[in-house]
Amino acid sequence: MLSYEALYQEINDSEKKMNTAAADVKKHAAAMTKATEGGDLKGLEKSLNDLENDIQEQTERLKELKSILSSFDKAAYITAGDFKQQILDECAKQNVDVKETGGNILEMFPNKVTINPETQDVTVDKKKLSCLRPSSLVSYVKKEQEKMGKASFNEQRFIEELYSAYEAVIALETVKNTKKNKVISASVKLSEIYKKLAPTARAKKDYDMLSFAYDMSRVYSNEGKFTKGGQLMIIDTSRTPDKNAIRILDAFGKEYFLTTVRFEDQSL
């Protein structure tokens, strides 16, 4: 198995030697200048010899670094699944929720991480990163999640938008079911609500299902969710995943599967 951490350790050891040689170059260059200014030709000759040795050392370290890097098969690291597995392992270490959704896509709620074998990079949501170190990648996602958690969220506006979408779905169901002489349900699948909130491909690109799920997780964590008109929002859940269910994590990291929503008038 190819391991980035093993590569990192090898490169890091070589880099330390190169940095030491670079520090010696700086030191002996300063000694050369001092000897020249003071007329110390013996000292100048010694400094020049020291500099020559330092530069040779740097050249060897440079060759060593190139050799280490070229020996690491980046394409195989990604395509063989080593990179993906090490991301999963790192998520466990850093306590980051992760789900495999098939292929080269990982869901780190509410972020989507896509591994790109062709370009040998990763995309976190819409941002492309040149990062093949699992620990750095997971740390980046974790920081992004912390930022999202601190970002302002207009809960009331979101509830009003949900209610508008809910009414639109109910109105459509009423028309359809009246023709079929069926009784409509007061509960609406959240997957149908999402279609109303993001009706086009462009809208879905700007506001994907994970973003919707994250917003739902924020309102789900709070009790007593009312519209301005006095309608109480009630979210139903399922114990098991369903094709129409939306997976969320609450504020404590507990997993839920949200299925439907209904609004009950409390103003009467």
C-alpha atoms as a PDB file:
ATOM      1  CA  MET A   1       0.000   0.000   0.000  1.00  0.00           C
ATOM      2  CA  LEU A   2       1.232   3.461  -0.908  1.00  0.00           C
ATOM      3  CA  SER A   3       1.223   5.824   2.041  1.00  0.00           C
ATOM      4  CA  TYR A   4       1.531   9.588   1.886  1.00  0.00           C
ATOM      5  CA  GLU A   5       2.716   9.758   5.494  1.00  0.00           C
ATOM      6  CA  ALA A   6       5.608   7.418   4.689  1.00  0.00           C
ATOM      7  CA  LEU A   7       6.468   9.609   1.708  1.00  0.00           C
ATOM      8  CA  TYR A   8       6.155  12.707   3.869  1.00  0.00           C
ATOM      9  CA  GLN A   9       8.577  11.352   6.453  1.00  0.00           C
ATOM     10  CA  GLU A  10      11.121  10.470   3.786  1.00  0.00           C
ATOM     11  CA  ILE A  11      10.856  13.848   2.086  1.00  0.00           C
ATOM     12  CA  ASN A  12      10.882  15.688   5.393  1.00  0.00           C
ATOM     13  CA  ASP A  13      14.140  14.030   6.460  1.00  0.00           C
ATOM     14  CA  SER A  14      15.757  15.008   3.166  1.00  0.00           C
ATOM     15  CA  GLU A  15      14.381  18.550   3.354  1.00  0.00           C
ATOM     16  CA  LYS A  16      15.897  19.026   6.820  1.00  0.00           C
ATOM     17  CA  LYS A  17      19.331  18.115   5.433  1.00  0.00           C
ATOM     18  CA  MET A  18      18.824  20.509   2.520  1.00  0.00           C
ATOM     19  CA  ASN A  19      17.763  23.321   4.857  1.00  0.00           C
ATOM     20  CA  THR A  20      20.867  22.711   6.970  1.00  0.00           C
ATOM     21  CA  ALA A  21      23.019  22.997   3.844  1.00  0.00           C
ATOM     22  CA  ALA A  22      21.181  26.182   2.864  1.00  0.00           C
ATOM     23  CA  ALA A  23      21.868  27.666   6.310  1.00  0.00           C
ATOM     24  CA  ASP A  24      25.542  26.794   5.903  1.00  0.00           C
ATOM     25  CA  VAL A  25      25.590  28.580   2.523  1.00  0.00           C
ATOM     26  CA  LYS A  26      24.224  31.712   4.162  1.00  0.00           C
ATOM     27  CA  LYS A  27      26.739  31.487   7.009  1.00  0.00           C
ATOM     28  CA  HIS A  28      29.775  30.938   4.791  1.00  0.00           C
ATOM     29  CA  ALA A  29      28.626  33.620   2.311  1.00  0.00           C
ATOM     30  CA  ALA A  30      28.565  36.100   5.189  1.00  0.00           C
ATOM     31  CA  ALA A  31      32.055  34.941   6.239  1.00  0.00           C
ATOM     32  CA  MET A  32      33.247  35.428   2.645  1.00  0.00           C
ATOM     33  CA  THR A  33      31.970  39.014   2.588  1.00  0.00           C
ATOM     34  CA  LYS A  34      33.555  39.753   5.936  1.00  0.00           C
ATOM     35  CA  ALA A  35      36.908  38.302   4.852  1.00  0.00           C
ATOM     36  CA  THR A  36      36.861  40.311   1.618  1.00  0.00           C
ATOM     37  CA  GLU A  37      36.072  43.560   3.429  1.00  0.00           C
ATOM     38  CA  GLY A  38      38.824  42.931   5.999  1.00  0.00           C
ATOM     39  CA  GLY A  39      41.436  41.886   3.473  1.00  0.00           C
ATOM     40  CA  ASP A  40      41.621  38.364   4.905  1.00  0.00           C
ATOM     41  CA  LEU A  41      42.482  36.389   1.766  1.00  0.00           C
ATOM     42  CA  LYS A  42      43.151  33.197   3.725  1.00  0.00           C
ATOM     43  CA  GLY A  43      39.735  33.497   5.310  1.00  0.00           C
ATOM     44  CA  LEU A  44      38.219  34.233   1.885  1.00  0.00           C
ATOM     45  CA  GLU A  45      39.797  31.114   0.410  1.00  0.00           C
ATOM     46  CA  LYS A  46      38.457  28.985   3.260  1.00  0.00           C
ATOM     47  CA  SER A  47      34.973  30.484   2.899  1.00  0.00           C
ATOM     48  CA  LEU A  48      34.966  29.771  -0.826  1.00  0.00           C
ATOM     49  CA  ASN A  49      35.919  26.129  -0.210  1.00  0.00           C
ATOM     50  CA  ASP A  50      33.198  25.851   2.429  1.00  0.00           C
ATOM     51  CA  LEU A  51      30.672  27.372   0.034  1.00  0.00           C
ATOM     52  CA  GLU A  52      31.649  24.920  -2.688  1.00  0.00           C
ATOM     53  CA  ASN A  53      31.052  22.003  -0.300  1.00  0.00           C
ATOM     54  CA  ASP A  54      27.720  23.484   0.790  1.00  0.00           C
ATOM     55  CA  ILE A  55      26.533  23.851  -2.797  1.00  0.00           C
ATOM     56  CA  GLN A  56      27.549  20.281  -3.589  1.00  0.00           C
ATOM     57  CA  GLU A  57      25.618  19.119  -0.533  1.00  0.00           C
ATOM     58  CA  GLN A  58      22.538  21.052  -1.676  1.00  0.00           C
ATOM     59  CA  THR A  59      22.836  19.548  -5.147  1.00  0.00           C
ATOM     60  CA  GLU A  60      22.919  16.041  -3.689  1.00  0.00           C
ATOM     61  CA  ARG A  61      19.919  16.757  -1.476  1.00  0.00           C
ATOM     62  CA  LEU A  62      18.040  18.156  -4.488  1.00  0.00           C
ATOM     63  CA  LYS A  63      18.738  14.996  -6.500  1.00  0.00           C
ATOM     64  CA  GLU A  64      17.637  12.924  -3.515  1.00  0.00           C
ATOM     65  CA  LEU A  65      14.342  14.820  -3.194  1.00  0.00           C
ATOM     66  CA  LYS A  66      13.601  14.456  -6.902  1.00  0.00           C
ATOM     67  CA  SER A  67      14.314  10.739  -6.706  1.00  0.00           C
ATOM     68  CA  ILE A  68      12.008  10.274  -3.717  1.00  0.00           C
ATOM     69  CA  LEU A  69       9.203  12.193  -5.396  1.00  0.00           C
ATOM     70  CA  SER A  70       9.517  10.402  -8.755  1.00  0.00           C
ATOM     71  CA  SER A  71       9.427   7.004  -7.026  1.00  0.00           C
ATOM     72  CA  PHE A  72       5.973   7.741  -5.590  1.00  0.00           C
ATOM     73  CA  ASP A  73       3.301   6.677  -8.098  1.00  0.00           C
ATOM     74  CA  LYS A  74       0.643   9.364  -7.630  1.00  0.00           C
ATOM     75  CA  ALA A  75      -1.707   7.837 -10.191  1.00  0.00           C
ATOM     76  CA  ALA A  76      -1.612   4.407  -8.542  1.00  0.00           C
ATOM     77  CA  TYR A  77      -1.984   6.004  -5.110  1.00  0.00           C
ATOM     78  CA  ILE A  78      -5.347   7.387  -6.202  1.00  0.00           C
ATOM     79  CA  THR A  79      -6.683   4.711  -8.554  1.00  0.00           C
ATOM     80  CA  ALA A  80      -5.796   1.758  -6.306  1.00  0.00           C
ATOM     81  CA  GLY A  81      -7.873   3.260  -3.496  1.00  0.00           C
ATOM     82  CA  ASP A  82      -5.028   3.866  -1.024  1.00  0.00           C
ATOM     83  CA  PHE A  83      -5.692   7.607  -0.936  1.00  0.00           C
ATOM     84  CA  LYS A  84      -9.417   7.133  -0.352  1.00  0.00           C
ATOM     85  CA  GLN A  85      -8.872   4.576   2.415  1.00  0.00           C
ATOM     86  CA  GLN A  86      -6.375   6.818   4.174  1.00  0.00           C
ATOM     87  CA  ILE A  87      -8.899   9.676   4.036  1.00  0.00           C
ATOM     88  CA  LEU A  88     -11.441   7.399   5.736  1.00  0.00           C
ATOM     89  CA  ASP A  89      -8.862   6.416   8.361  1.00  0.00           C
ATOM     90  CA  GLU A  90      -7.991  10.063   8.963  1.00  0.00           C
ATOM     91  CA  CYS A  91     -11.657  10.988   9.372  1.00  0.00           C
ATOM     92  CA  ALA A  92     -11.858   8.409  12.150  1.00  0.00           C
ATOM     93  CA  LYS A  93      -8.778   9.920  13.822  1.00  0.00           C
ATOM     94  CA  GLN A  94     -10.090  13.486  13.598  1.00  0.00           C
ATOM     95  CA  ASN A  95     -13.674  12.516  14.471  1.00  0.00           C
ATOM     96  CA  VAL A  96     -15.108  13.753  11.173  1.00  0.00           C
ATOM     97  CA  ASP A  97     -18.294  12.087   9.949  1.00  0.00           C
ATOM     98  CA  VAL A  98     -17.818  10.451   6.543  1.00  0.00           C
ATOM     99  CA  LYS A  99     -19.916   8.269   4.260  1.00  0.00           C
ATOM    100  CA  GLU A 100     -18.956   6.576   1.009  1.00  0.00           C
ATOM    101  CA  THR A 101     -21.518   7.443  -1.630  1.00  0.00           C
ATOM    102  CA  GLY A 102     -19.969   5.437  -4.450  1.00  0.00           C
ATOM    103  CA  GLY A 103     -17.027   5.873  -6.772  1.00  0.00           C
ATOM    104  CA  ASN A 104     -14.646   8.643  -5.815  1.00  0.00           C
ATOM    105  CA  ILE A 105     -17.129  10.690  -3.807  1.00  0.00           C
ATOM    106  CA  LEU A 106     -17.131  10.964  -0.025  1.00  0.00           C
ATOM    107  CA  GLU A 107     -19.745  12.791   2.010  1.00  0.00           C
ATOM    108  CA  MET A 108     -18.367  14.580   5.052  1.00  0.00           C
ATOM    109  CA  PHE A 109     -21.648  16.135   6.156  1.00  0.00           C
ATOM    110  CA  PRO A 110     -22.406  18.676   4.883  1.00  0.00           C
ATOM    111  CA  ASN A 111     -19.423  18.720   2.520  1.00  0.00           C
ATOM    112  CA  LYS A 112     -18.922  16.635  -0.601  1.00  0.00           C
ATOM    113  CA  VAL A 113     -15.355  15.552  -1.336  1.00  0.00           C
ATOM    114  CA  THR A 114     -14.606  14.344  -4.852  1.00  0.00           C
ATOM    115  CA  ILE A 115     -11.349  12.589  -5.719  1.00  0.00           C
ATOM    116  CA  ASN A 116     -10.251  13.394  -9.277  1.00  0.00           C
ATOM    117  CA  PRO A 117      -7.955  10.636 -10.624  1.00  0.00           C
ATOM    118  CA  GLU A 118      -7.396  12.402 -13.956  1.00  0.00           C
ATOM    119  CA  THR A 119      -6.110  15.664 -12.476  1.00  0.00           C
ATOM    120  CA  GLN A 120      -4.758  14.081  -9.286  1.00  0.00           C
ATOM    121  CA  ASP A 121      -6.435  16.562  -6.985  1.00  0.00           C
ATOM    122  CA  VAL A 122      -9.602  16.784  -4.908  1.00  0.00           C
ATOM    123  CA  THR A 123     -12.658  19.005  -4.954  1.00  0.00           C
ATOM    124  CA  VAL A 124     -14.345  19.997  -1.708  1.00  0.00           C
ATOM    125  CA  ASP A 125     -17.815  21.167  -2.711  1.00  0.00           C
ATOM    126  CA  LYS A 126     -16.843  23.583  -5.508  1.00  0.00           C
ATOM    127  CA  LYS A 127     -13.253  24.307  -4.500  1.00  0.00           C
ATOM    128  CA  LYS A 128     -10.469  22.368  -6.191  1.00  0.00           C
ATOM    129  CA  LEU A 129      -7.484  21.564  -3.969  1.00  0.00           C
ATOM    130  CA  SER A 130      -4.074  20.238  -4.903  1.00  0.00           C
ATOM    131  CA  CYS A 131      -3.802  18.111  -1.793  1.00  0.00           C
ATOM    132  CA  LEU A 132      -2.933  14.408  -1.619  1.00  0.00           C
ATOM    133  CA  ARG A 133      -2.161  14.332   2.093  1.00  0.00           C
ATOM    134  CA  PRO A 134      -5.208  12.843   3.870  1.00  0.00           C
ATOM    135  CA  SER A 135      -4.509  14.483   7.230  1.00  0.00           C
ATOM    136  CA  SER A 136      -4.278  17.955   5.649  1.00  0.00           C
ATOM    137  CA  LEU A 137      -7.388  17.383   3.561  1.00  0.00           C
ATOM    138  CA  VAL A 138      -9.510  16.262   6.515  1.00  0.00           C
ATOM    139  CA  SER A 139      -8.192  19.141   8.633  1.00  0.00           C
ATOM    140  CA  TYR A 140      -9.223  21.546   5.876  1.00  0.00           C
ATOM    141  CA  VAL A 141     -12.742  20.101   5.742  1.00  0.00           C
ATOM    142  CA  LYS A 142     -13.001  20.218   9.530  1.00  0.00           C
ATOM    143  CA  LYS A 143     -12.063  23.920   9.571  1.00  0.00           C
ATOM    144  CA  GLU A 144     -14.587  24.637   6.814  1.00  0.00           C
ATOM    145  CA  GLN A 145     -17.280  22.936   8.874  1.00  0.00           C
ATOM    146  CA  GLU A 146     -16.361  25.036  11.891  1.00  0.00           C
ATOM    147  CA  LYS A 147     -16.705  28.183   9.762  1.00  0.00           C
ATOM    148  CA  MET A 148     -20.084  27.029   8.488  1.00  0.00           C
ATOM    149  CA  GLY A 149     -21.256  26.400  12.035  1.00  0.00           C
ATOM    150  CA  LYS A 150     -20.347  29.973  13.012  1.00  0.00           C
ATOM    151  CA  ALA A 151     -21.849  31.572   9.892  1.00  0.00           C
ATOM    152  CA  SER A 152     -25.102  33.500  10.295  1.00  0.00           C
ATOM    153  CA  PHE A 153     -28.281  31.651   9.392  1.00  0.00           C
ATOM    154  CA  ASN A 154     -31.696  33.251   9.029  1.00  0.00           C
ATOM    155  CA  GLU A 155     -33.769  30.424  10.412  1.00  0.00           C
ATOM    156  CA  GLN A 156     -37.088  32.274  10.153  1.00  0.00           C
ATOM    157  CA  ARG A 157     -36.579  33.081   6.484  1.00  0.00           C
ATOM    158  CA  PHE A 158     -35.717  29.453   5.761  1.00  0.00           C
ATOM    159  CA  ILE A 159     -38.877  28.270   7.553  1.00  0.00           C
ATOM    160  CA  GLU A 160     -40.966  30.703   5.491  1.00  0.00           C
ATOM    161  CA  GLU A 161     -39.363  29.390   2.296  1.00  0.00           C
ATOM    162  CA  LEU A 162     -40.103  25.825   3.385  1.00  0.00           C
ATOM    163  CA  TYR A 163     -43.723  26.748   4.073  1.00  0.00           C
ATOM    164  CA  SER A 164     -44.104  28.391   0.657  1.00  0.00           C
ATOM    165  CA  ALA A 165     -42.695  25.287  -1.036  1.00  0.00           C
ATOM    166  CA  TYR A 166     -44.941  23.096   1.143  1.00  0.00           C
ATOM    167  CA  GLU A 167     -48.034  25.060   0.104  1.00  0.00           C
ATOM    168  CA  ALA A 168     -47.049  24.801  -3.556  1.00  0.00           C
ATOM    169  CA  VAL A 169     -46.725  21.017  -3.337  1.00  0.00           C
ATOM    170  CA  ILE A 170     -50.017  20.682  -1.422  1.00  0.00           C
ATOM    171  CA  ALA A 171     -51.793  22.858  -3.990  1.00  0.00           C
ATOM    172  CA  LEU A 172     -50.519  20.683  -6.823  1.00  0.00           C
ATOM    173  CA  GLU A 173     -51.495  17.488  -4.990  1.00  0.00           C
ATOM    174  CA  THR A 174     -54.959  18.922  -4.354  1.00  0.00           C
ATOM    175  CA  VAL A 175     -55.549  19.456  -8.054  1.00  0.00           C
ATOM    176  CA  LYS A 176     -54.275  15.997  -8.968  1.00  0.00           C
ATOM    177  CA  ASN A 177     -56.104  14.146  -6.212  1.00  0.00           C
ATOM    178  CA  THR A 178     -59.394  15.983  -6.747  1.00  0.00           C
ATOM    179  CA  LYS A 179     -59.487  14.547 -10.244  1.00  0.00           C
ATOM    180  CA  LYS A 180     -58.844  11.082  -8.787  1.00  0.00           C
ATOM    181  CA  ASN A 181     -61.181  11.549  -5.782  1.00  0.00           C
ATOM    182  CA  LYS A 182     -58.314  10.895  -3.361  1.00  0.00           C
ATOM    183  CA  VAL A 183     -57.648  12.497   0.014  1.00  0.00           C
ATOM    184  CA  ILE A 184     -54.346  14.410   0.100  1.00  0.00           C
ATOM    185  CA  SER A 185     -51.818  13.957   2.854  1.00  0.00           C
ATOM    186  CA  ALA A 186     -50.818  16.883   5.066  1.00  0.00           C
ATOM    187  CA  SER A 187     -47.231  15.611   5.066  1.00  0.00           C
ATOM    188  CA  VAL A 188     -44.931  16.330   2.139  1.00  0.00           C
ATOM    189  CA  LYS A 189     -41.704  14.536   1.317  1.00  0.00           C
ATOM    190  CA  LEU A 190     -38.671  16.721   1.881  1.00  0.00           C
ATOM    191  CA  SER A 191     -37.333  15.556  -1.472  1.00  0.00           C
ATOM    192  CA  GLU A 192     -40.380  17.255  -3.049  1.00  0.00           C
ATOM    193  CA  ILE A 193     -39.793  20.390  -1.001  1.00  0.00           C
ATOM    194  CA  TYR A 194     -36.215  20.509  -2.267  1.00  0.00           C
ATOM    195  CA  LYS A 195     -37.413  20.309  -5.883  1.00  0.00           C
ATOM    196  CA  LYS A 196     -39.474  23.437  -5.281  1.00  0.00           C
ATOM    197  CA  LEU A 197     -36.596  25.278  -3.625  1.00  0.00           C
ATOM    198  CA  ALA A 198     -34.163  24.297  -6.408  1.00  0.00           C
ATOM    199  CA  PRO A 199     -36.308  23.763  -9.509  1.00  0.00           C
ATOM    200  CA  THR A 200     -33.586  24.030 -12.169  1.00  0.00           C
ATOM    201  CA  ALA A 201     -30.193  22.434 -12.813  1.00  0.00           C
ATOM    202  CA  ARG A 202     -28.490  25.764 -12.165  1.00  0.00           C
ATOM    203  CA  ALA A 203     -30.367  26.193  -8.891  1.00  0.00           C
ATOM    204  CA  LYS A 204     -29.373  22.682  -7.820  1.00  0.00           C
ATOM    205  CA  LYS A 205     -25.748  23.509  -8.618  1.00  0.00           C
ATOM    206  CA  ASP A 206     -25.859  26.625  -6.431  1.00  0.00           C
ATOM    207  CA  TYR A 207     -27.918  24.942  -3.700  1.00  0.00           C
ATOM    208  CA  ASP A 208     -27.351  21.199  -3.711  1.00  0.00           C
ATOM    209  CA  MET A 209     -29.060  18.558  -1.603  1.00  0.00           C
ATOM    210  CA  LEU A 210     -26.292  18.560   1.005  1.00  0.00           C
ATOM    211  CA  SER A 211     -26.717  22.314   1.506  1.00  0.00           C
ATOM    212  CA  PHE A 212     -30.460  21.783   1.932  1.00  0.00           C
ATOM    213  CA  ALA A 213     -29.806  18.942   4.388  1.00  0.00           C
ATOM    214  CA  TYR A 214     -27.460  21.177   6.388  1.00  0.00           C
ATOM    215  CA  ASP A 215     -30.099  23.914   6.632  1.00  0.00           C
ATOM    216  CA  MET A 216     -32.638  21.286   7.676  1.00  0.00           C
ATOM    217  CA  SER A 217     -30.264  20.068  10.375  1.00  0.00           C
ATOM    218  CA  ARG A 218     -30.112  23.570  11.832  1.00  0.00           C
ATOM    219  CA  VAL A 219     -33.867  23.995  12.079  1.00  0.00           C
ATOM    220  CA  TYR A 220     -34.353  20.400  13.235  1.00  0.00           C
ATOM    221  CA  SER A 221     -32.122  21.000  16.260  1.00  0.00           C
ATOM    222  CA  ASN A 222     -34.398  23.769  17.544  1.00  0.00           C
ATOM    223  CA  GLU A 223     -37.772  23.139  19.145  1.00  0.00           C
ATOM    224  CA  GLY A 224     -40.957  25.080  18.365  1.00  0.00           C
ATOM    225  CA  LYS A 225     -40.495  26.126  14.764  1.00  0.00           C
ATOM    226  CA  PHE A 226     -43.329  28.428  13.668  1.00  0.00           C
ATOM    227  CA  THR A 227     -44.065  30.427  10.553  1.00  0.00           C
ATOM    228  CA  LYS A 228     -44.919  34.088  10.989  1.00  0.00           C
ATOM    229  CA  GLY A 229     -48.540  33.114  10.386  1.00  0.00           C
ATOM    230  CA  GLY A 230     -48.562  30.737  13.354  1.00  0.00           C
ATOM    231  CA  GLN A 231     -48.120  27.397  11.549  1.00  0.00           C
ATOM    232  CA  LEU A 232     -46.051  24.882  13.512  1.00  0.00           C
ATOM    233  CA  MET A 233     -43.515  22.973  11.447  1.00  0.00           C
ATOM    234  CA  ILE A 234     -43.302  19.269  12.253  1.00  0.00           C
ATOM    235  CA  ILE A 235     -40.506  17.186  10.736  1.00  0.00           C
ATOM    236  CA  ASP A 236     -40.910  13.420  10.566  1.00  0.00           C
ATOM    237  CA  THR A 237     -38.007  11.012  10.748  1.00  0.00           C
ATOM    238  CA  SER A 238     -37.204   7.410   9.917  1.00  0.00           C
ATOM    239  CA  ARG A 239     -34.946   5.017  11.799  1.00  0.00           C
ATOM    240  CA  THR A 240     -33.469   3.688   8.595  1.00  0.00           C
ATOM    241  CA  PRO A 241     -32.325   5.359   5.364  1.00  0.00           C
ATOM    242  CA  ASP A 242     -34.918   5.718   2.654  1.00  0.00           C
ATOM    243  CA  LYS A 243     -34.539   6.823  -0.960  1.00  0.00           C
ATOM    244  CA  ASN A 244     -36.566   9.927  -0.146  1.00  0.00           C
ATOM    245  CA  ALA A 245     -35.026  10.514   3.290  1.00  0.00           C
ATOM    246  CA  ILE A 246     -32.477  13.218   3.946  1.00  0.00           C
ATOM    247  CA  ARG A 247     -29.567  12.269   6.171  1.00  0.00           C
ATOM    248  CA  ILE A 248     -28.466  14.896   8.673  1.00  0.00           C
ATOM    249  CA  LEU A 249     -26.331  15.233  11.783  1.00  0.00           C
ATOM    250  CA  ASP A 250     -27.637  17.315  14.650  1.00  0.00           C
ATOM    251  CA  ALA A 251     -25.572  19.753  16.697  1.00  0.00           C
ATOM    252  CA  PHE A 252     -24.211  16.822  18.746  1.00  0.00           C
ATOM    253  CA  GLY A 253     -23.262  14.721  15.722  1.00  0.00           C
ATOM    254  CA  LYS A 254     -26.201  12.329  16.069  1.00  0.00           C
ATOM    255  CA  GLU A 255     -27.516  10.890  12.808  1.00  0.00           C
ATOM    256  CA  TYR A 256     -31.141  11.305  11.707  1.00  0.00           C
ATOM    257  CA  PHE A 257     -33.056  10.544   8.526  1.00  0.00           C
ATOM    258  CA  LEU A 258     -35.651  13.233   7.818  1.00  0.00           C
ATOM    259  CA  THR A 259     -38.524  12.125   5.627  1.00  0.00           C
ATOM    260  CA  THR A 260     -41.471  14.523   5.524  1.00  0.00           C
ATOM    261  CA  VAL A 261     -42.627  17.893   6.821  1.00  0.00           C
ATOM    262  CA  ARG A 262     -46.049  19.220   7.670  1.00  0.00           C
ATOM    263  CA  PHE A 263     -47.377  22.506   8.989  1.00  0.00           C
ATOM    264  CA  GLU A 264     -50.199  22.662  11.512  1.00  0.00           C
ATOM    265  CA  ASP A 265     -52.099  25.874  12.105  1.00  0.00           C
ATOM    266  CA  GLN A 266     -51.740  26.893  15.774  1.00  0.00           C
ATOM    267  CA  SER A 267     -53.404  30.296  15.476  1.00  0.00           C
ATOM    268  CA  LEU A 268     -56.942  28.995  15.939  1.00  0.00           C
END
